[in-house]
Amino acid sequence: SGEFVPMESLSTVQNARSYAGEGSFRQLEQALDGR
């Protein structure tokens, strides 16, 4: 489509955010901060 959306929004699973949402990249986010 050419339209980018948050990847977790593609799931049809009702609890997708607990699976794919906030906190999924926390360790990587900390490693990238300041770099």
PDB file of all heavy atoms in Angstrom:
ATOM      1  N   SER A   1       0.810  -1.222   0.000  1.00  0.00           N
ATOM      2  CA  SER A   1       0.000   0.000   0.000  1.00  0.00           C
ATOM      3  C   SER A   1       0.842   1.269   0.000  1.00  0.00           C
ATOM      4  O   SER A   1       0.376   2.322  -0.428  1.00  0.00           O
ATOM      5  CB  SER A   1      -0.913   0.004   1.236  1.00  0.00           C
ATOM      6  OG  SER A   1      -0.145   0.226   2.415  1.00  0.00           O
ATOM      7  N   GLY A   2       2.069   1.203   0.526  1.00  0.00           N
ATOM      8  CA  GLY A   2       2.887   2.398   0.698  1.00  0.00           C
ATOM      9  C   GLY A   2       2.587   3.142   1.982  1.00  0.00           C
ATOM     10  O   GLY A   2       3.235   4.146   2.290  1.00  0.00           O
ATOM     11  N   GLU A   3       1.634   2.645   2.759  1.00  0.00           N
ATOM     12  CA  GLU A   3       1.281   3.284   4.038  1.00  0.00           C
ATOM     13  C   GLU A   3       1.923   2.500   5.187  1.00  0.00           C
ATOM     14  O   GLU A   3       1.650   1.314   5.365  1.00  0.00           O
ATOM     15  CB  GLU A   3      -0.231   3.306   4.231  1.00  0.00           C
ATOM     16  CG  GLU A   3      -0.662   3.894   5.565  1.00  0.00           C
ATOM     17  CD  GLU A   3      -2.159   3.764   5.809  1.00  0.00           C
ATOM     18  OE1 GLU A   3      -2.891   3.399   4.857  1.00  0.00           O
ATOM     19  OE2 GLU A   3      -2.588   4.017   6.954  1.00  0.00           O
ATOM     20  N   PHE A   4       2.766   3.170   5.962  1.00  0.00           N
ATOM     21  CA  PHE A   4       3.430   2.517   7.088  1.00  0.00           C
ATOM     22  C   PHE A   4       2.609   2.682   8.359  1.00  0.00           C
ATOM     23  O   PHE A   4       2.143   3.780   8.676  1.00  0.00           O
ATOM     24  CB  PHE A   4       4.827   3.108   7.289  1.00  0.00           C
ATOM     25  CG  PHE A   4       5.835   2.604   6.297  1.00  0.00           C
ATOM     26  CD1 PHE A   4       6.031   3.268   5.095  1.00  0.00           C
ATOM     27  CD2 PHE A   4       6.576   1.468   6.554  1.00  0.00           C
ATOM     28  CE1 PHE A   4       6.943   2.805   4.175  1.00  0.00           C
ATOM     29  CE2 PHE A   4       7.495   0.991   5.643  1.00  0.00           C
ATOM     30  CZ  PHE A   4       7.687   1.662   4.445  1.00  0.00           C
ATOM     31  N   VAL A   5       2.457   1.570   9.084  1.00  0.00           N
ATOM     32  CA  VAL A   5       1.691   1.566  10.326  1.00  0.00           C
ATOM     33  C   VAL A   5       2.521   0.853  11.394  1.00  0.00           C
ATOM     34  O   VAL A   5       3.412   0.063  11.075  1.00  0.00           O
ATOM     35  CB  VAL A   5       0.333   0.850  10.147  1.00  0.00           C
ATOM     36  CG1 VAL A   5      -0.532   1.585   9.140  1.00  0.00           C
ATOM     37  CG2 VAL A   5       0.533  -0.602   9.732  1.00  0.00           C
ATOM     38  N   PRO A   6       2.252   1.114  12.694  1.00  0.00           N
ATOM     39  CA  PRO A   6       2.967   0.371  13.743  1.00  0.00           C
ATOM     40  C   PRO A   6       2.740  -1.123  13.585  1.00  0.00           C
ATOM     41  O   PRO A   6       1.614  -1.571  13.341  1.00  0.00           O
ATOM     42  CB  PRO A   6       2.330   0.889  15.040  1.00  0.00           C
ATOM     43  CG  PRO A   6       1.775   2.226  14.676  1.00  0.00           C
ATOM     44  CD  PRO A   6       1.315   2.102  13.255  1.00  0.00           C
ATOM     45  N   MET A   7       3.801  -1.907  13.686  1.00  0.00           N
ATOM     46  CA  MET A   7       3.684  -3.326  13.392  1.00  0.00           C
ATOM     47  C   MET A   7       2.688  -4.035  14.289  1.00  0.00           C
ATOM     48  O   MET A   7       1.993  -4.946  13.846  1.00  0.00           O
ATOM     49  CB  MET A   7       5.053  -4.006  13.470  1.00  0.00           C
ATOM     50  CG  MET A   7       5.797  -3.784  14.766  1.00  0.00           C
ATOM     51  SD  MET A   7       7.444  -4.517  14.728  1.00  0.00           S
ATOM     52  CE  MET A   7       7.051  -6.261  14.731  1.00  0.00           C
ATOM     53  N   GLU A   8       2.561  -3.597  15.540  1.00  0.00           N
ATOM     54  CA  GLU A   8       1.631  -4.283  16.428  1.00  0.00           C
ATOM     55  C   GLU A   8       0.176  -4.083  16.008  1.00  0.00           C
ATOM     56  O   GLU A   8      -0.692  -4.872  16.360  1.00  0.00           O
ATOM     57  CB  GLU A   8       1.821  -3.838  17.881  1.00  0.00           C
ATOM     58  CG  GLU A   8       1.551  -2.369  18.157  1.00  0.00           C
ATOM     59  CD  GLU A   8       2.794  -1.515  18.052  1.00  0.00           C
ATOM     60  OE1 GLU A   8       3.752  -1.936  17.375  1.00  0.00           O
ATOM     61  OE2 GLU A   8       2.791  -0.412  18.642  1.00  0.00           O
ATOM     62  N   SER A   9      -0.093  -3.035  15.220  1.00  0.00           N
ATOM     63  CA  SER A   9      -1.474  -2.774  14.803  1.00  0.00           C
ATOM     64  C   SER A   9      -1.955  -3.782  13.763  1.00  0.00           C
ATOM     65  O   SER A   9      -3.154  -3.850  13.485  1.00  0.00           O
ATOM     66  CB  SER A   9      -1.584  -1.356  14.232  1.00  0.00           C
ATOM     67  OG  SER A   9      -0.945  -1.253  12.983  1.00  0.00           O
ATOM     68  N   LEU A  10      -1.042  -4.578  13.195  1.00  0.00           N
ATOM     69  CA  LEU A  10      -1.428  -5.549  12.176  1.00  0.00           C
ATOM     70  C   LEU A  10      -1.988  -6.830  12.761  1.00  0.00           C
ATOM     71  O   LEU A  10      -2.580  -7.632  12.048  1.00  0.00           O
ATOM     72  CB  LEU A  10      -0.230  -5.893  11.293  1.00  0.00           C
ATOM     73  CG  LEU A  10       0.381  -4.732  10.522  1.00  0.00           C
ATOM     74  CD1 LEU A  10       1.555  -5.221   9.699  1.00  0.00           C
ATOM     75  CD2 LEU A  10      -0.659  -4.080   9.622  1.00  0.00           C
ATOM     76  N   SER A  11      -1.781  -7.052  14.055  1.00  0.00           N
ATOM     77  CA  SER A  11      -2.229  -8.297  14.661  1.00  0.00           C
ATOM     78  C   SER A  11      -3.736  -8.291  14.852  1.00  0.00           C
ATOM     79  O   SER A  11      -4.333  -7.283  15.217  1.00  0.00           O
ATOM     80  CB  SER A  11      -1.550  -8.521  16.005  1.00  0.00           C
ATOM     81  OG  SER A  11      -2.065  -9.674  16.628  1.00  0.00           O
ATOM     82  N   THR A  12      -4.359  -9.459  14.625  1.00  0.00           N
ATOM     83  CA  THR A  12      -5.787  -9.611  14.903  1.00  0.00           C
ATOM     84  C   THR A  12      -6.017 -10.159  16.303  1.00  0.00           C
ATOM     85  O   THR A  12      -7.154 -10.321  16.726  1.00  0.00           O
ATOM     86  CB  THR A  12      -6.433 -10.563  13.875  1.00  0.00           C
ATOM     87  OG1 THR A  12      -5.756 -11.821  13.916  1.00  0.00           O
ATOM     88  CG2 THR A  12      -6.323  -9.981  12.470  1.00  0.00           C
ATOM     89  N   VAL A  13      -4.923 -10.422  17.020  1.00  0.00           N
ATOM     90  CA  VAL A  13      -5.033 -10.935  18.378  1.00  0.00           C
ATOM     91  C   VAL A  13      -5.420  -9.787  19.302  1.00  0.00           C
ATOM     92  O   VAL A  13      -4.820  -8.722  19.271  1.00  0.00           O
ATOM     93  CB  VAL A  13      -3.698 -11.571  18.838  1.00  0.00           C
ATOM     94  CG1 VAL A  13      -3.806 -12.097  20.251  1.00  0.00           C
ATOM     95  CG2 VAL A  13      -3.296 -12.678  17.872  1.00  0.00           C
ATOM     96  N   GLN A  14      -6.399 -10.001  20.154  1.00  0.00           N
ATOM     97  CA  GLN A  14      -6.904  -8.919  20.984  1.00  0.00           C
ATOM     98  C   GLN A  14      -5.853  -8.389  21.944  1.00  0.00           C
ATOM     99  O   GLN A  14      -5.822  -7.201  22.254  1.00  0.00           O
ATOM    100  CB  GLN A  14      -8.125  -9.390  21.775  1.00  0.00           C
ATOM    101  CG  GLN A  14      -9.373  -9.558  20.910  1.00  0.00           C
ATOM    102  CD  GLN A  14     -10.591  -9.862  21.747  1.00  0.00           C
ATOM    103  OE1 GLN A  14     -10.494 -10.296  22.893  1.00  0.00           O
ATOM    104  NE2 GLN A  14     -11.760  -9.643  21.183  1.00  0.00           N
ATOM    105  N   ASN A  15      -4.979  -9.263  22.456  1.00  0.00           N
ATOM    106  CA  ASN A  15      -3.983  -8.808  23.408  1.00  0.00           C
ATOM    107  C   ASN A  15      -2.650  -8.527  22.715  1.00  0.00           C
ATOM    108  O   ASN A  15      -1.585  -8.708  23.271  1.00  0.00           O
ATOM    109  CB  ASN A  15      -3.762  -9.822  24.534  1.00  0.00           C
ATOM    110  CG  ASN A  15      -3.209 -11.140  24.010  1.00  0.00           C
ATOM    111  OD1 ASN A  15      -3.242 -11.394  22.820  1.00  0.00           O
ATOM    112  ND2 ASN A  15      -2.710 -11.963  24.911  1.00  0.00           N
ATOM    113  N   ALA A  16      -2.731  -8.054  21.452  1.00  0.00           N
ATOM    114  CA  ALA A  16      -1.512  -7.843  20.662  1.00  0.00           C
ATOM    115  C   ALA A  16      -0.542  -6.910  21.364  1.00  0.00           C
ATOM    116  O   ALA A  16       0.661  -7.101  21.307  1.00  0.00           O
ATOM    117  CB  ALA A  16      -1.882  -7.271  19.287  1.00  0.00           C
ATOM    118  N   ARG A  17      -1.051  -5.904  22.063  1.00  0.00           N
ATOM    119  CA  ARG A  17      -0.140  -4.941  22.663  1.00  0.00           C
ATOM    120  C   ARG A  17       0.691  -5.567  23.781  1.00  0.00           C
ATOM    121  O   ARG A  17       1.841  -5.201  23.999  1.00  0.00           O
ATOM    122  CB  ARG A  17      -0.900  -3.715  23.178  1.00  0.00           C
ATOM    123  CG  ARG A  17      -1.431  -2.869  22.039  1.00  0.00           C
ATOM    124  CD  ARG A  17      -1.917  -1.510  22.519  1.00  0.00           C
ATOM    125  NE  ARG A  17      -2.283  -0.672  21.390  1.00  0.00           N
ATOM    126  CZ  ARG A  17      -1.446   0.070  20.699  1.00  0.00           C
ATOM    127  NH1 ARG A  17      -0.165   0.073  21.022  1.00  0.00           N
ATOM    128  NH2 ARG A  17      -1.858   0.807  19.688  1.00  0.00           N
ATOM    129  N   SER A  18       0.124  -6.522  24.490  1.00  0.00           N
ATOM    130  CA  SER A  18       0.915  -7.183  25.518  1.00  0.00           C
ATOM    131  C   SER A  18       1.973  -8.073  24.894  1.00  0.00           C
ATOM    132  O   SER A  18       3.005  -8.358  25.500  1.00  0.00           O
ATOM    133  CB  SER A  18       0.001  -8.033  26.419  1.00  0.00           C
ATOM    134  OG  SER A  18      -0.569  -9.097  25.677  1.00  0.00           O
ATOM    135  N   TYR A  19       1.723  -8.487  23.650  1.00  0.00           N
ATOM    136  CA  TYR A  19       2.677  -9.344  22.940  1.00  0.00           C
ATOM    137  C   TYR A  19       3.682  -8.528  22.154  1.00  0.00           C
ATOM    138  O   TYR A  19       4.851  -8.862  22.057  1.00  0.00           O
ATOM    139  CB  TYR A  19       1.902 -10.261  21.999  1.00  0.00           C
ATOM    140  CG  TYR A  19       2.747 -11.106  21.071  1.00  0.00           C
ATOM    141  CD1 TYR A  19       3.693 -11.984  21.559  1.00  0.00           C
ATOM    142  CD2 TYR A  19       2.579 -11.009  19.694  1.00  0.00           C
ATOM    143  CE1 TYR A  19       4.454 -12.755  20.691  1.00  0.00           C
ATOM    144  CE2 TYR A  19       3.327 -11.777  18.819  1.00  0.00           C
ATOM    145  CZ  TYR A  19       4.266 -12.644  19.337  1.00  0.00           C
ATOM    146  OH  TYR A  19       5.020 -13.405  18.486  1.00  0.00           O
ATOM    147  N   ALA A  20       3.202  -7.410  21.549  1.00  0.00           N
ATOM    148  CA  ALA A  20       4.036  -6.702  20.594  1.00  0.00           C
ATOM    149  C   ALA A  20       4.219  -5.230  20.917  1.00  0.00           C
ATOM    150  O   ALA A  20       4.845  -4.518  20.157  1.00  0.00           O
ATOM    151  CB  ALA A  20       3.420  -6.824  19.203  1.00  0.00           C
ATOM    152  N   GLY A  21       3.727  -4.774  22.003  1.00  0.00           N
ATOM    153  CA  GLY A  21       3.684  -3.342  22.232  1.00  0.00           C
ATOM    154  C   GLY A  21       4.769  -2.802  23.131  1.00  0.00           C
ATOM    155  O   GLY A  21       5.937  -3.176  23.048  1.00  0.00           O
ATOM    156  N   GLU A  22       4.372  -1.933  23.992  1.00  0.00           N
ATOM    157  CA  GLU A  22       5.303  -1.189  24.819  1.00  0.00           C
ATOM    158  C   GLU A  22       6.222  -2.132  25.593  1.00  0.00           C
ATOM    159  O   GLU A  22       5.796  -3.119  26.184  1.00  0.00           O
ATOM    160  CB  GLU A  22       4.516  -0.315  25.805  1.00  0.00           C
ATOM    161  CG  GLU A  22       5.400   0.596  26.640  1.00  0.00           C
ATOM    162  CD  GLU A  22       4.584   1.490  27.545  1.00  0.00           C
ATOM    163  OE1 GLU A  22       3.350   1.417  27.478  1.00  0.00           O
ATOM    164  OE2 GLU A  22       5.195   2.253  28.302  1.00  0.00           O
ATOM    165  N   GLY A  23       7.511  -1.801  25.577  1.00  0.00           N
ATOM    166  CA  GLY A  23       8.477  -2.584  26.332  1.00  0.00           C
ATOM    167  C   GLY A  23       9.198  -3.639  25.520  1.00  0.00           C
ATOM    168  O   GLY A  23      10.183  -4.215  25.980  1.00  0.00           O
ATOM    169  N   SER A  24       8.748  -3.898  24.292  1.00  0.00           N
ATOM    170  CA  SER A  24       9.348  -4.952  23.499  1.00  0.00           C
ATOM    171  C   SER A  24      10.803  -4.677  23.161  1.00  0.00           C
ATOM    172  O   SER A  24      11.601  -5.604  23.025  1.00  0.00           O
ATOM    173  CB  SER A  24       8.561  -5.146  22.198  1.00  0.00           C
ATOM    174  OG  SER A  24       7.248  -5.526  22.461  1.00  0.00           O
ATOM    175  N   PHE A  25      11.167  -3.397  23.029  1.00  0.00           N
ATOM    176  CA  PHE A  25      12.517  -3.029  22.626  1.00  0.00           C
ATOM    177  C   PHE A  25      13.267  -2.287  23.738  1.00  0.00           C
ATOM    178  O   PHE A  25      14.225  -1.573  23.466  1.00  0.00           O
ATOM    179  CB  PHE A  25      12.464  -2.147  21.380  1.00  0.00           C
ATOM    180  CG  PHE A  25      11.781  -2.789  20.218  1.00  0.00           C
ATOM    181  CD1 PHE A  25      10.567  -2.313  19.757  1.00  0.00           C
ATOM    182  CD2 PHE A  25      12.344  -3.883  19.572  1.00  0.00           C
ATOM    183  CE1 PHE A  25       9.927  -2.900  18.680  1.00  0.00           C
ATOM    184  CE2 PHE A  25      11.719  -4.479  18.497  1.00  0.00           C
ATOM    185  CZ  PHE A  25      10.508  -3.990  18.052  1.00  0.00           C
ATOM    186  N   ARG A  26      12.848  -2.469  24.976  1.00  0.00           N
ATOM    187  CA  ARG A  26      13.406  -1.651  26.056  1.00  0.00           C
ATOM    188  C   ARG A  26      14.922  -1.768  26.166  1.00  0.00           C
ATOM    189  O   ARG A  26      15.629  -0.762  26.295  1.00  0.00           O
ATOM    190  CB  ARG A  26      12.730  -2.025  27.376  1.00  0.00           C
ATOM    191  CG  ARG A  26      13.099  -1.102  28.531  1.00  0.00           C
ATOM    192  CD  ARG A  26      12.065  -1.213  29.639  1.00  0.00           C
ATOM    193  NE  ARG A  26      10.759  -0.766  29.175  1.00  0.00           N
ATOM    194  CZ  ARG A  26       9.611  -1.243  29.650  1.00  0.00           C
ATOM    195  NH1 ARG A  26       9.595  -2.198  30.565  1.00  0.00           N
ATOM    196  NH2 ARG A  26       8.463  -0.791  29.196  1.00  0.00           N
ATOM    197  N   GLN A  27      15.445  -2.991  26.102  1.00  0.00           N
ATOM    198  CA  GLN A  27      16.894  -3.170  26.230  1.00  0.00           C
ATOM    199  C   GLN A  27      17.627  -2.510  25.062  1.00  0.00           C
ATOM    200  O   GLN A  27      18.652  -1.845  25.260  1.00  0.00           O
ATOM    201  CB  GLN A  27      17.232  -4.659  26.291  1.00  0.00           C
ATOM    202  CG  GLN A  27      18.715  -4.935  26.527  1.00  0.00           C
ATOM    203  CD  GLN A  27      18.995  -6.418  26.653  1.00  0.00           C
ATOM    204  OE1 GLN A  27      18.128  -7.260  26.396  1.00  0.00           O
ATOM    205  NE2 GLN A  27      20.202  -6.754  27.057  1.00  0.00           N
ATOM    206  N   LEU A  28      17.083  -2.668  23.866  1.00  0.00           N
ATOM    207  CA  LEU A  28      17.698  -2.044  22.711  1.00  0.00           C
ATOM    208  C   LEU A  28      17.596  -0.529  22.784  1.00  0.00           C
ATOM    209  O   LEU A  28      18.560   0.184  22.432  1.00  0.00           O
ATOM    210  CB  LEU A  28      17.029  -2.560  21.437  1.00  0.00           C
ATOM    211  CG  LEU A  28      17.553  -2.008  20.114  1.00  0.00           C
ATOM    212  CD1 LEU A  28      19.046  -2.275  19.954  1.00  0.00           C
ATOM    213  CD2 LEU A  28      16.769  -2.618  18.948  1.00  0.00           C
ATOM    214  N   GLU A  29      16.474  -0.013  23.235  1.00  0.00           N
ATOM    215  CA  GLU A  29      16.312   1.435  23.372  1.00  0.00           C
ATOM    216  C   GLU A  29      17.378   2.020  24.283  1.00  0.00           C
ATOM    217  O   GLU A  29      17.984   3.066  23.984  1.00  0.00           O
ATOM    218  CB  GLU A  29      14.917   1.745  23.926  1.00  0.00           C
ATOM    219  CG  GLU A  29      13.796   1.491  22.935  1.00  0.00           C
ATOM    220  CD  GLU A  29      12.429   1.453  23.584  1.00  0.00           C
ATOM    221  OE1 GLU A  29      12.345   1.309  24.830  1.00  0.00           O
ATOM    222  OE2 GLU A  29      11.429   1.562  22.852  1.00  0.00           O
ATOM    223  N   GLN A  30      17.639   1.354  25.394  1.00  0.00           N
ATOM    224  CA  GLN A  30      18.663   1.827  26.320  1.00  0.00           C
ATOM    225  C   GLN A  30      20.049   1.782  25.698  1.00  0.00           C
ATOM    226  O   GLN A  30      20.871   2.680  25.906  1.00  0.00           O
ATOM    227  CB  GLN A  30      18.620   0.990  27.602  1.00  0.00           C
ATOM    228  CG  GLN A  30      17.342   1.182  28.406  1.00  0.00           C
ATOM    229  CD  GLN A  30      17.215   0.187  29.549  1.00  0.00           C
ATOM    230  OE1 GLN A  30      17.993  -0.762  29.662  1.00  0.00           O
ATOM    231  NE2 GLN A  30      16.216   0.390  30.396  1.00  0.00           N
ATOM    232  N   ALA A  31      20.300   0.741  24.893  1.00  0.00           N
ATOM    233  CA  ALA A  31      21.606   0.608  24.246  1.00  0.00           C
ATOM    234  C   ALA A  31      21.815   1.679  23.172  1.00  0.00           C
ATOM    235  O   ALA A  31      22.954   2.096  22.923  1.00  0.00           O
ATOM    236  CB  ALA A  31      21.747  -0.778  23.637  1.00  0.00           C
ATOM    237  N   LEU A  32      20.736   2.131  22.547  1.00  0.00           N
ATOM    238  CA  LEU A  32      20.837   3.121  21.485  1.00  0.00           C
ATOM    239  C   LEU A  32      20.888   4.546  22.007  1.00  0.00           C
ATOM    240  O   LEU A  32      21.389   5.445  21.319  1.00  0.00           O
ATOM    241  CB  LEU A  32      19.643   2.989  20.527  1.00  0.00           C
ATOM    242  CG  LEU A  32      19.519   1.683  19.743  1.00  0.00           C
ATOM    243  CD1 LEU A  32      18.236   1.687  18.917  1.00  0.00           C
ATOM    244  CD2 LEU A  32      20.725   1.462  18.847  1.00  0.00           C
ATOM    245  N   ASP A  33      20.390   4.775  23.196  1.00  0.00           N
ATOM    246  CA  ASP A  33      20.280   6.135  23.730  1.00  0.00           C
ATOM    247  C   ASP A  33      21.658   6.787  23.834  1.00  0.00           C
ATOM    248  O   ASP A  33      22.594   6.208  24.402  1.00  0.00           O
ATOM    249  CB  ASP A  33      19.607   6.096  25.108  1.00  0.00           C
ATOM    250  CG  ASP A  33      18.990   7.425  25.484  1.00  0.00           C
ATOM    251  OD1 ASP A  33      18.781   8.271  24.583  1.00  0.00           O
ATOM    252  OD2 ASP A  33      18.688   7.616  26.680  1.00  0.00           O
ATOM    253  N   GLY A  34      21.792   7.951  23.258  1.00  0.00           N
ATOM    254  CA  GLY A  34      23.066   8.650  23.250  1.00  0.00           C
ATOM    255  C   GLY A  34      23.986   8.241  22.117  1.00  0.00           C
ATOM    256  O   GLY A  34      25.086   8.776  21.979  1.00  0.00           O
ATOM    257  N   ARG A  35      23.536   7.317  21.284  1.00  0.00           N
ATOM    258  CA  ARG A  35      24.358   6.839  20.162  1.00  0.00           C
ATOM    259  C   ARG A  35      23.622   7.068  18.839  1.00  0.00           C
ATOM    260  O   ARG A  35      23.651   6.244  17.942  1.00  0.00           O
ATOM    261  CB  ARG A  35      24.700   5.361  20.341  1.00  0.00           C
ATOM    262  CG  ARG A  35      25.428   5.027  21.633  1.00  0.00           C
ATOM    263  CD  ARG A  35      25.945   3.603  21.601  1.00  0.00           C
ATOM    264  NE  ARG A  35      26.935   3.430  20.529  1.00  0.00           N
ATOM    265  CZ  ARG A  35      27.275   2.232  20.029  1.00  0.00           C
ATOM    266  NH1 ARG A  35      26.683   1.134  20.481  1.00  0.00           N
ATOM    267  NH2 ARG A  35      28.182   2.141  19.059  1.00  0.00           N
TER     268      ARG A  35
END
